[in-house]
Amino acid sequence: MRRAVNYLLDLQAHESIAYAQFLAGMAFNNASQGYVQTLAWQVSHFYHQPLTICNAVLLP
């Protein structure tokens, strides 16, 4: 990532970041992260807790 930021014309670095984002999206999709995020948002507002904590509790 540093290489992509420091050298804006380094296409190899930008391609690597794009591929990493693609893999992360696939991982979140396989983990049903969208459902967890939706539930966590509701729970976090109801119990006044940080969203990240609610995600961590609901994800398993």
Protein backbone atom coordinates (compact mmCIF):
# COMPACT_ATOMS: atom_id res chain seq x y z
CA MET A 1 0.00 0.00 0.00
CA ARG A 2 2.83 2.39 0.78
CA ARG A 3 4.26 1.79 -2.66
CA ALA A 4 0.93 2.65 -4.29
CA VAL A 5 0.63 5.86 -2.28
CA ASN A 6 4.23 6.97 -2.75
CA TYR A 7 4.44 6.05 -6.44
CA LEU A 8 1.11 6.90 -8.03
CA LEU A 9 2.14 5.51 -11.42
CA ASP A 10 3.12 2.09 -10.07
CA LEU A 11 0.45 -0.03 -11.71
CA GLN A 12 1.68 -3.25 -10.08
CA ALA A 13 1.07 -1.80 -6.60
CA HIS A 14 -2.40 -0.56 -7.55
CA GLU A 15 -3.26 -3.91 -9.11
CA SER A 16 -2.22 -5.66 -5.90
CA ILE A 17 -4.47 -3.40 -3.83
CA ALA A 18 -7.40 -4.00 -6.17
CA TYR A 19 -6.89 -7.76 -5.92
CA ALA A 20 -6.72 -7.58 -2.11
CA GLN A 21 -9.99 -5.63 -2.05
CA PHE A 22 -11.56 -8.24 -4.30
CA LEU A 23 -10.47 -11.07 -2.00
CA ALA A 24 -11.73 -9.19 1.06
CA GLY A 25 -15.11 -8.71 -0.61
CA MET A 26 -15.33 -12.42 -1.36
CA ALA A 27 -14.43 -13.28 2.24
CA PHE A 28 -17.04 -10.91 3.66
CA ASN A 29 -19.64 -12.29 1.27
CA ASN A 30 -18.90 -15.87 2.30
CA ALA A 31 -19.18 -14.90 5.97
CA SER A 32 -22.62 -13.30 5.43
CA GLN A 33 -21.16 -10.01 6.62
CA GLY A 34 -24.05 -8.05 5.10
CA TYR A 35 -26.56 -9.72 7.38
CA VAL A 36 -24.31 -9.29 10.39
CA GLN A 37 -23.74 -5.62 9.61
CA THR A 38 -27.48 -4.99 9.33
CA LEU A 39 -28.21 -6.67 12.66
CA ALA A 40 -25.23 -5.05 14.38
CA TRP A 41 -26.37 -1.59 13.31
CA GLN A 42 -29.76 -2.11 14.93
CA VAL A 43 -28.30 -3.63 18.09
CA SER A 44 -25.66 -0.91 18.44
CA HIS A 45 -28.27 1.84 18.37
CA PHE A 46 -30.62 0.04 20.73
CA TYR A 47 -27.94 -0.71 23.35
CA HIS A 48 -25.77 2.37 22.65
CA GLN A 49 -22.69 0.25 21.91
CA PRO A 50 -20.02 0.72 19.24
CA LEU A 51 -20.83 -0.93 15.93
CA THR A 52 -17.52 -2.81 15.87
CA ILE A 53 -18.28 -4.47 19.21
CA CYS A 54 -21.72 -5.56 18.02
CA ASN A 55 -20.20 -6.96 14.81
CA ALA A 56 -17.69 -8.95 16.84
CA VAL A 57 -20.42 -10.37 19.06
CA LEU A 58 -22.79 -11.29 16.22
CA LEU A 59 -20.32 -12.60 13.64
CA PRO A 60 -19.60 -16.02 15.19
